[in-house]
Structure formats: structure tokens, C-alpha cells
């Protein structure tokens, strides 16, 4: 099946969004954890590494999921592939 230019553009934007959000996830999960000892400053009264391990990374994960859903809905509507609302 040959993809049209519109399909290729949609797929390209979807992959770009996914790659950026996965890069953010990787940084939050592995890079911050790896450099936790070097990130020794207080953040809301707690050491930054402890805060990121206990709360910060979870908040960022939720923001990633929210942003992905919002962006994909907008992208789906832009390209006319959005699901119909049921009432």
C-alpha cells in the first residue's frame, strides 16, 4: 500500500512527537538518577535527587502522558482522523 503525502506527514509528526517525549522520559528516568549525587541542591526544602526520585519524576510522567494525548488529539483533528464523539 502506497502512503500519500498527507499520510507521510501525519506519520512524521507522530514519530517526532513520540521521539521528543521519549527523550524527555529518558532524561528524567536515567540521566537525573545517574547524576543524582551531583545534583545536590535543595528543592522545596528537600534534596533535589530525593525529590525527583519521590515525586518529581512521577509528575513529569503524568505531564508527558497528558501532553501526548492532547497533542495527538490535535494532530488527529488536523489530519481528519479523529474519532467521532459518542453521545
C-alpha atoms as a PDB file:
ATOM      1  CA  UNK A   1       0.000   0.000   0.000  1.00  0.00           C
ATOM      2  CA  UNK A   2       1.420   3.334  -1.030  1.00  0.00           C
ATOM      3  CA  UNK A   3       1.143   6.120   1.529  1.00  0.00           C
ATOM      4  CA  UNK A   4       0.017   9.520   0.365  1.00  0.00           C
ATOM      5  CA  UNK A   5       1.930  12.669   1.176  1.00  0.00           C
ATOM      6  CA  UNK A   6      -0.676  13.509   3.828  1.00  0.00           C
ATOM      7  CA  UNK A   7      -0.205  10.108   5.500  1.00  0.00           C
ATOM      8  CA  UNK A   8       3.565  10.522   5.460  1.00  0.00           C
ATOM      9  CA  UNK A   9       3.317  13.989   7.028  1.00  0.00           C
ATOM     10  CA  UNK A  10       0.975  12.678   9.744  1.00  0.00           C
ATOM     11  CA  UNK A  11       3.284   9.754  10.474  1.00  0.00           C
ATOM     12  CA  UNK A  12       6.350  12.020  10.507  1.00  0.00           C
ATOM     13  CA  UNK A  13       4.761  14.395  13.029  1.00  0.00           C
ATOM     14  CA  UNK A  14       3.624  11.463  15.173  1.00  0.00           C
ATOM     15  CA  UNK A  15       7.129   9.967  15.227  1.00  0.00           C
ATOM     16  CA  UNK A  16       8.709  13.339  16.007  1.00  0.00           C
ATOM     17  CA  UNK A  17       6.348  13.907  18.949  1.00  0.00           C
ATOM     18  CA  UNK A  18       6.971  10.387  20.257  1.00  0.00           C
ATOM     19  CA  UNK A  19      10.753  10.749  19.938  1.00  0.00           C
ATOM     20  CA  UNK A  20      10.808  14.065  21.811  1.00  0.00           C
ATOM     21  CA  UNK A  21       8.638  12.747  24.637  1.00  0.00           C
ATOM     22  CA  UNK A  22      10.703   9.550  24.896  1.00  0.00           C
ATOM     23  CA  UNK A  23      13.867  11.663  25.102  1.00  0.00           C
ATOM     24  CA  UNK A  24      12.327  13.645  27.978  1.00  0.00           C
ATOM     25  CA  UNK A  25      11.319  10.388  29.665  1.00  0.00           C
ATOM     26  CA  UNK A  26      14.864   9.030  29.262  1.00  0.00           C
ATOM     27  CA  UNK A  27      16.423  12.166  30.732  1.00  0.00           C
ATOM     28  CA  UNK A  28      14.057  12.194  33.712  1.00  0.00           C
ATOM     29  CA  UNK A  29      14.398   8.471  34.368  1.00  0.00           C
ATOM     30  CA  UNK A  30      18.048   7.719  33.748  1.00  0.00           C
ATOM     31  CA  UNK A  31      20.107  10.898  33.438  1.00  0.00           C
ATOM     32  CA  UNK A  32      18.744  12.611  36.555  1.00  0.00           C
ATOM     33  CA  UNK A  33      19.093   9.347  38.502  1.00  0.00           C
ATOM     34  CA  UNK A  34      22.625   8.777  37.244  1.00  0.00           C
ATOM     35  CA  UNK A  35      23.753  12.275  38.229  1.00  0.00           C
ATOM     36  CA  UNK A  36      21.738  12.377  41.468  1.00  0.00           C
ATOM     37  CA  UNK A  37      24.787  12.889  43.703  1.00  0.00           C
ATOM     38  CA  UNK A  38      25.995  15.810  41.594  1.00  0.00           C
ATOM     39  CA  UNK A  39      22.535  17.432  41.759  1.00  0.00           C
ATOM     40  CA  UNK A  40      22.882  18.246  45.435  1.00  0.00           C
ATOM     41  CA  UNK A  41      20.820  21.392  45.960  1.00  0.00           C
ATOM     42  CA  UNK A  42      17.617  21.976  47.883  1.00  0.00           C
ATOM     43  CA  UNK A  43      14.316  21.968  46.021  1.00  0.00           C
ATOM     44  CA  UNK A  44      11.252  22.857  48.124  1.00  0.00           C
ATOM     45  CA  UNK A  45      13.262  22.039  51.239  1.00  0.00           C
ATOM     46  CA  UNK A  46      14.356  18.584  50.056  1.00  0.00           C
ATOM     47  CA  UNK A  47      17.498  17.437  48.264  1.00  0.00           C
ATOM     48  CA  UNK A  48      16.773  17.602  44.527  1.00  0.00           C
ATOM     49  CA  UNK A  49      17.721  13.964  43.868  1.00  0.00           C
ATOM     50  CA  UNK A  50      15.339  12.779  46.603  1.00  0.00           C
ATOM     51  CA  UNK A  51      12.544  14.998  45.298  1.00  0.00           C
ATOM     52  CA  UNK A  52      12.954  13.750  41.721  1.00  0.00           C
ATOM     53  CA  UNK A  53      13.007  10.141  42.891  1.00  0.00           C
ATOM     54  CA  UNK A  54       9.992  10.507  45.170  1.00  0.00           C
ATOM     55  CA  UNK A  55       7.700  12.977  43.374  1.00  0.00           C
ATOM     56  CA  UNK A  56       9.235  14.924  40.533  1.00  0.00           C
ATOM     57  CA  UNK A  57       9.612  12.132  38.034  1.00  0.00           C
ATOM     58  CA  UNK A  58       6.032  10.947  38.641  1.00  0.00           C
ATOM     59  CA  UNK A  59       4.710  14.444  37.979  1.00  0.00           C
ATOM     60  CA  UNK A  60       6.732  14.659  34.769  1.00  0.00           C
ATOM     61  CA  UNK A  61       5.446  11.223  33.635  1.00  0.00           C
ATOM     62  CA  UNK A  62       1.859  12.387  34.101  1.00  0.00           C
ATOM     63  CA  UNK A  63       2.628  15.597  32.184  1.00  0.00           C
ATOM     64  CA  UNK A  64       4.145  13.543  29.346  1.00  0.00           C
ATOM     65  CA  UNK A  65       1.013  11.387  29.096  1.00  0.00           C
ATOM     66  CA  UNK A  66      -1.275  14.442  29.239  1.00  0.00           C
ATOM     67  CA  UNK A  67       0.742  16.312  26.597  1.00  0.00           C
ATOM     68  CA  UNK A  68       0.871  13.259  24.299  1.00  0.00           C
ATOM     69  CA  UNK A  69      -2.906  12.763  24.472  1.00  0.00           C
ATOM     70  CA  UNK A  70      -3.577  16.466  23.903  1.00  0.00           C
ATOM     71  CA  UNK A  71      -1.117  16.708  21.002  1.00  0.00           C
ATOM     72  CA  UNK A  72      -2.334  13.534  19.309  1.00  0.00           C
ATOM     73  CA  UNK A  73      -5.962  14.652  19.541  1.00  0.00           C
ATOM     74  CA  UNK A  74      -5.000  17.963  17.935  1.00  0.00           C
ATOM     75  CA  UNK A  75      -2.957  16.191  15.257  1.00  0.00           C
ATOM     76  CA  UNK A  76      -5.802  13.739  14.563  1.00  0.00           C
ATOM     77  CA  UNK A  77      -8.240  16.599  14.110  1.00  0.00           C
ATOM     78  CA  UNK A  78      -5.805  18.475  11.866  1.00  0.00           C
ATOM     79  CA  UNK A  79      -5.479  15.475   9.541  1.00  0.00           C
ATOM     80  CA  UNK A  80      -9.121  14.387   9.754  1.00  0.00           C
ATOM     81  CA  UNK A  81      -8.568  11.061  11.501  1.00  0.00           C
ATOM     82  CA  UNK A  82     -10.106  11.932  14.873  1.00  0.00           C
ATOM     83  CA  UNK A  83     -12.551   9.526  16.447  1.00  0.00           C
ATOM     84  CA  UNK A  84     -16.182  10.568  16.443  1.00  0.00           C
ATOM     85  CA  UNK A  85     -17.647  11.717  19.741  1.00  0.00           C
ATOM     86  CA  UNK A  86     -20.424   9.468  21.018  1.00  0.00           C
ATOM     87  CA  UNK A  87     -23.342  10.893  22.988  1.00  0.00           C
END
